[in-house]
């Protein structure tokens, strides 16, 4: 089944930051790579400019795809990121194994899904790119397979459980039952109160029993997760480990941005032909 034919110049509603905005189609390109068939579309958004290409799979309407993006709860800074946006070269070491697992999960997701098998992305180093990578893959899955995806951190999930409102209960059910869940920062609950451990266990156990794949990110190795051993046992049973390099991308990027900022500031007087002001 093909989606409705769309034309250059038509308006489309996008959700670049989780909020609807009107965009105009500026380019359309057909894609036919075996099982992957659809269109790549480029848009122009007022006060933003030309977007990156959006992929829409045949048989899944762009409107439905955009709704799934908006409901995924993926953080806004990662909303438009895809696998091509994740730069493995910045780690300055061989990452062929990690790249192979990433590619396998995206390309062969149907098989992973059939087995309820997910990924466990870990590193001891904070800011190593675990969450970024998980979101890039989740966005690819939404594009290619048109399924429901949810993202939530463990601390946020605990707060949701604590609410005990009707809306919270509905949100928890959607998180438990979605086709792919990104559960960020597993292990952050540590040796917490009994009800916290129970809440996390029930989520992990539900997805394990219902054969639903989950991407976990963590600062702990699977075998060394703190807390209830039953949680680690279920994760180990249905997760492929993806161990990130022990390198802080976040700190490296912060350092680079600071250096670029200083270079720009220090060049300004020279560019204007004025001597730098003397403050002494």
Protein backbone atom coordinates (compact mmCIF):
# COMPACT_ATOMS: atom_id res chain seq x y z
CA UNK A 1 0.00 0.00 0.00
CA UNK A 2 1.32 3.44 -0.95
CA UNK A 3 0.78 6.65 0.91
CA UNK A 4 -1.12 9.53 -0.68
CA UNK A 5 0.87 11.34 -3.39
CA UNK A 6 2.19 14.63 -2.06
CA UNK A 7 3.51 17.55 -4.09
CA UNK A 8 6.14 20.26 -3.74
CA UNK A 9 4.56 23.40 -2.32
CA UNK A 10 2.05 21.57 -0.11
CA UNK A 11 1.82 22.37 3.58
CA UNK A 12 2.54 19.72 6.19
CA UNK A 13 2.45 19.80 9.99
CA UNK A 14 5.77 18.81 11.60
CA UNK A 15 6.79 18.41 15.23
CA UNK A 16 10.47 19.50 15.37
CA UNK A 17 10.32 20.28 19.11
CA UNK A 18 7.32 18.24 20.08
CA UNK A 19 5.02 21.11 19.07
CA UNK A 20 3.13 21.37 15.75
CA UNK A 21 4.47 23.84 13.16
CA UNK A 22 3.45 24.44 9.55
CA UNK A 23 6.04 23.58 6.92
CA UNK A 24 6.09 23.69 3.12
CA UNK A 25 7.42 20.76 1.09
CA UNK A 26 10.43 21.90 -0.97
CA UNK A 27 11.82 18.58 -2.22
CA UNK A 28 10.54 15.00 -2.66
CA UNK A 29 12.68 11.98 -3.55
CA UNK A 30 11.55 8.36 -3.91
CA UNK A 31 13.45 5.66 -2.03
CA UNK A 32 13.42 1.98 -3.04
CA UNK A 33 15.97 -0.21 -1.27
CA UNK A 34 14.40 -3.63 -1.19
CA UNK A 35 12.21 -3.74 1.89
CA UNK A 36 12.71 -0.03 2.53
CA UNK A 37 10.40 1.93 0.24
CA UNK A 38 9.04 5.42 0.70
CA UNK A 39 9.92 9.07 0.17
CA UNK A 40 12.49 11.53 1.47
CA UNK A 41 10.97 14.96 1.91
CA UNK A 42 12.60 18.32 2.65
CA UNK A 43 10.67 21.24 4.16
CA UNK A 44 10.93 24.96 4.76
CA UNK A 45 9.76 26.29 8.13
CA UNK A 46 9.27 30.00 8.81
CA UNK A 47 11.91 31.44 11.14
CA UNK A 48 13.87 28.19 10.85
CA UNK A 49 14.76 27.54 7.23
CA UNK A 50 15.25 24.34 5.27
CA UNK A 51 15.04 21.10 7.29
CA UNK A 52 16.96 17.87 6.95
CA UNK A 53 15.27 15.09 4.95
CA UNK A 54 12.35 13.28 6.59
CA UNK A 55 11.71 9.67 5.56
CA UNK A 56 8.15 8.37 5.24
CA UNK A 57 7.66 4.66 4.66
CA UNK A 58 5.12 3.49 2.07
CA UNK A 59 1.89 2.42 3.73
CA UNK A 60 2.36 4.72 6.73
CA UNK A 61 0.98 8.23 6.43
CA UNK A 62 3.29 11.16 7.25
CA UNK A 63 0.62 12.43 9.63
CA UNK A 64 0.74 9.18 11.64
CA UNK A 65 4.54 9.19 11.63
CA UNK A 66 4.61 12.76 12.96
CA UNK A 67 2.06 11.89 15.65
CA UNK A 68 4.27 9.06 16.80
CA UNK A 69 7.27 11.38 16.99
CA UNK A 70 5.33 13.90 19.03
CA UNK A 71 4.10 11.24 21.47
CA UNK A 72 7.44 9.47 21.86
CA UNK A 73 8.63 11.81 24.67
CA UNK A 74 12.10 11.85 23.09
CA UNK A 75 13.96 14.94 24.42
CA UNK A 76 13.68 17.94 22.04
CA UNK A 77 17.45 18.17 21.50
CA UNK A 78 17.42 14.66 20.00
CA UNK A 79 14.07 14.91 18.21
CA UNK A 80 15.42 15.29 14.67
CA UNK A 81 18.54 13.15 15.10
CA UNK A 82 19.09 9.98 13.09
CA UNK A 83 21.79 7.31 12.87
CA UNK A 84 23.81 9.42 10.41
CA UNK A 85 24.02 12.18 13.02
CA UNK A 86 25.90 9.99 15.48
CA UNK A 87 29.63 10.53 14.89
CA UNK A 88 31.57 7.45 15.98
CA UNK A 89 34.85 9.00 14.80
CA UNK A 90 34.97 11.40 17.74
CA UNK A 91 35.90 8.56 20.08
CA UNK A 92 39.33 8.16 18.43
CA UNK A 93 39.26 4.38 18.79
CA UNK A 94 37.91 1.39 16.89
CA UNK A 95 34.13 1.27 17.28
CA UNK A 96 33.33 -1.30 14.57
CA UNK A 97 31.64 -3.63 17.08
CA UNK A 98 29.38 -0.89 18.43
CA UNK A 99 28.53 0.35 14.93
CA UNK A 100 27.73 -3.21 13.86
CA UNK A 101 25.28 -3.69 16.74
CA UNK A 102 23.66 -0.30 16.06
CA UNK A 103 23.22 -1.12 12.37
CA UNK A 104 21.93 -4.61 13.12
CA UNK A 105 19.28 -3.30 15.51
CA UNK A 106 17.97 -0.79 12.97
CA UNK A 107 18.11 -2.95 9.85
CA UNK A 108 16.93 -6.19 11.47
CA UNK A 109 14.57 -4.69 14.02
CA UNK A 110 11.72 -6.95 12.92
CA UNK A 111 13.69 -9.96 14.13
CA UNK A 112 14.70 -8.24 17.37
CA UNK A 113 11.05 -7.36 17.91
CA UNK A 114 9.86 -10.90 17.22
CA UNK A 115 12.13 -12.16 19.99
CA UNK A 116 11.48 -9.22 22.32
CA UNK A 117 15.21 -8.54 22.27
CA UNK A 118 16.57 -5.06 22.92
CA UNK A 119 19.87 -3.33 23.66
CA UNK A 120 21.74 -2.44 26.82
CA UNK A 121 23.92 0.61 26.14
CA UNK A 122 26.41 1.18 28.92
CA UNK A 123 29.54 3.00 30.00
CA UNK A 124 30.85 4.16 33.37
CA UNK A 125 31.55 7.61 31.92
CA UNK A 126 28.72 10.12 32.09
CA UNK A 127 28.14 12.06 28.88
CA UNK A 128 29.58 9.32 26.64
CA UNK A 129 26.66 9.52 24.18
CA UNK A 130 24.48 6.68 25.47
CA UNK A 131 21.21 8.63 25.47
CA UNK A 132 22.02 10.32 22.17
CA UNK A 133 22.68 6.97 20.48
CA UNK A 134 19.51 5.43 21.91
CA UNK A 135 17.41 8.34 20.62
CA UNK A 136 19.03 8.23 17.17
CA UNK A 137 18.08 4.56 16.89
CA UNK A 138 14.57 5.15 18.25
CA UNK A 139 13.97 7.85 15.63
CA UNK A 140 15.19 5.51 12.89
CA UNK A 141 12.79 2.82 14.11
CA UNK A 142 9.85 5.23 14.02
CA UNK A 143 10.73 6.23 10.45
CA UNK A 144 11.39 2.76 9.09
CA UNK A 145 8.75 0.72 10.90
CA UNK A 146 6.08 3.24 11.93
CA UNK A 147 5.63 1.77 15.41
CA UNK A 148 4.88 3.36 18.78
CA UNK A 149 8.05 4.35 20.64
CA UNK A 150 8.37 5.86 24.12
CA UNK A 151 11.34 7.44 25.92
CA UNK A 152 11.56 8.00 29.66
CA UNK A 153 14.30 8.25 32.26
CA UNK A 154 14.10 6.01 35.31
CA UNK A 155 13.83 9.02 37.69
CA UNK A 156 10.97 10.45 35.61
CA UNK A 157 9.23 7.06 35.57
CA UNK A 158 9.48 6.88 39.36
CA UNK A 159 7.92 10.35 39.62
CA UNK A 160 5.12 9.20 37.30
CA UNK A 161 4.42 6.17 39.49
CA UNK A 162 4.41 8.44 42.55
CA UNK A 163 1.63 10.63 41.09
CA UNK A 164 -1.08 7.96 41.34
CA UNK A 165 -3.49 10.00 39.18
CA UNK A 166 -5.70 8.62 36.40
CA UNK A 167 -3.56 10.38 33.79
CA UNK A 168 -0.38 8.96 35.32
CA UNK A 169 -1.84 5.45 35.26
CA UNK A 170 -2.73 5.88 31.56
CA UNK A 171 0.78 7.14 30.79
CA UNK A 172 2.34 4.22 32.66
CA UNK A 173 0.25 1.74 30.67
CA UNK A 174 1.34 3.35 27.38
CA UNK A 175 4.98 3.18 28.46
CA UNK A 176 4.67 -0.46 29.52
CA UNK A 177 2.84 -1.51 26.36
CA UNK A 178 4.62 0.48 23.60
CA UNK A 179 6.30 -1.41 20.76
CA UNK A 180 9.76 -0.05 21.66
CA UNK A 181 10.76 1.62 24.93
CA UNK A 182 13.91 3.61 25.63
CA UNK A 183 14.45 3.36 29.40
CA UNK A 184 17.20 5.84 30.14
CA UNK A 185 19.56 5.63 33.12
CA UNK A 186 18.56 2.24 34.51
CA UNK A 187 20.35 1.76 37.80
CA UNK A 188 19.85 5.40 38.80
CA UNK A 189 17.27 4.19 41.32
CA UNK A 190 20.15 2.40 43.11
CA UNK A 191 19.37 0.80 46.43
CA UNK A 192 16.25 2.94 46.80
CA UNK A 193 13.06 2.40 48.75
CA UNK A 194 11.26 -0.88 48.26
CA UNK A 195 8.38 0.64 46.28
CA UNK A 196 10.84 2.24 43.83
CA UNK A 197 12.59 -1.07 43.15
CA UNK A 198 9.19 -2.73 42.79
CA UNK A 199 8.00 -0.12 40.27
CA UNK A 200 11.09 -0.58 38.09
CA UNK A 201 10.89 -4.36 38.37
CA UNK A 202 7.24 -4.39 37.31
CA UNK A 203 8.04 -2.33 34.23
CA UNK A 204 11.00 -4.51 33.20
CA UNK A 205 9.11 -7.71 34.03
CA UNK A 206 6.01 -6.62 32.08
CA UNK A 207 8.01 -5.99 28.93
CA UNK A 208 9.94 -9.23 29.38
CA UNK A 209 6.77 -11.30 29.75
CA UNK A 210 5.04 -9.62 26.81
CA UNK A 211 8.10 -9.97 24.52
CA UNK A 212 8.50 -6.22 24.01
CA UNK A 213 12.00 -4.90 23.13
CA UNK A 214 13.61 -2.20 25.26
CA UNK A 215 16.71 -0.06 24.80
CA UNK A 216 18.31 0.49 28.20
CA UNK A 217 21.06 3.00 28.92
CA UNK A 218 23.10 2.81 32.08
CA UNK A 219 26.30 3.79 33.88
CA UNK A 220 26.48 0.18 35.13
CA UNK A 221 27.31 -3.08 33.40
CA UNK A 222 24.33 -5.43 33.10
CA UNK A 223 25.80 -7.93 35.53
CA UNK A 224 26.51 -5.21 38.10
CA UNK A 225 23.19 -3.37 38.20
CA UNK A 226 22.45 -2.28 41.78
CA UNK A 227 19.21 -3.23 43.45
CA UNK A 228 16.94 -6.19 42.78
CA UNK A 229 18.79 -9.01 41.01
CA UNK A 230 15.57 -10.00 39.26
CA UNK A 231 15.77 -6.78 37.22
CA UNK A 232 19.26 -7.59 35.97
CA UNK A 233 18.27 -11.21 35.24
CA UNK A 234 15.43 -10.15 32.95
CA UNK A 235 17.51 -7.51 31.20
CA UNK A 236 20.37 -9.95 30.61
CA UNK A 237 17.92 -12.51 29.23
CA UNK A 238 16.69 -10.29 26.40
CA UNK A 239 19.32 -7.59 25.77
CA UNK A 240 22.33 -7.31 23.50
CA UNK A 241 25.12 -5.40 25.31
CA UNK A 242 26.53 -2.35 23.54
CA UNK A 243 29.47 -1.01 25.55
CA UNK A 244 30.35 2.59 24.73
CA UNK A 245 33.93 3.93 24.81
CA UNK A 246 34.87 5.49 28.14
CA UNK A 247 35.02 8.99 26.72
CA UNK A 248 32.94 12.04 27.65
CA UNK A 249 31.55 13.52 24.44
CA UNK A 250 29.66 16.07 26.53
CA UNK A 251 32.83 17.48 28.11
CA UNK A 252 34.69 17.41 24.81
CA UNK A 253 31.89 19.33 23.07
CA UNK A 254 31.69 21.83 25.92
CA UNK A 255 35.44 22.44 25.70
CA UNK A 256 35.27 22.87 21.91
CA UNK A 257 32.39 25.36 22.15
CA UNK A 258 34.24 27.37 24.79
CA UNK A 259 37.37 27.47 22.64
CA UNK A 260 35.36 28.54 19.58
CA UNK A 261 33.66 31.25 21.63
CA UNK A 262 36.97 32.62 22.88
CA UNK A 263 38.49 32.56 19.39
CA UNK A 264 35.57 34.60 18.10
CA UNK A 265 35.79 37.12 20.93
CA UNK A 266 39.58 37.52 20.67
CA UNK A 267 39.41 38.04 16.90
CA UNK A 268 36.79 40.81 17.05
CA UNK A 269 39.15 43.74 17.85
CA UNK A 270 41.60 42.68 15.15
CA UNK A 271 38.84 42.30 12.59
CA UNK A 272 37.56 45.81 13.26
CA UNK A 273 41.06 47.34 13.07
CA UNK A 274 40.87 48.50 16.68
CA UNK A 275 43.34 47.73 19.39
CA UNK A 276 41.98 45.61 22.24
CA UNK A 277 40.86 47.77 25.18
CA UNK A 278 43.34 48.21 28.02
CA UNK A 279 41.64 47.34 31.31
CA UNK A 280 44.71 47.82 33.49
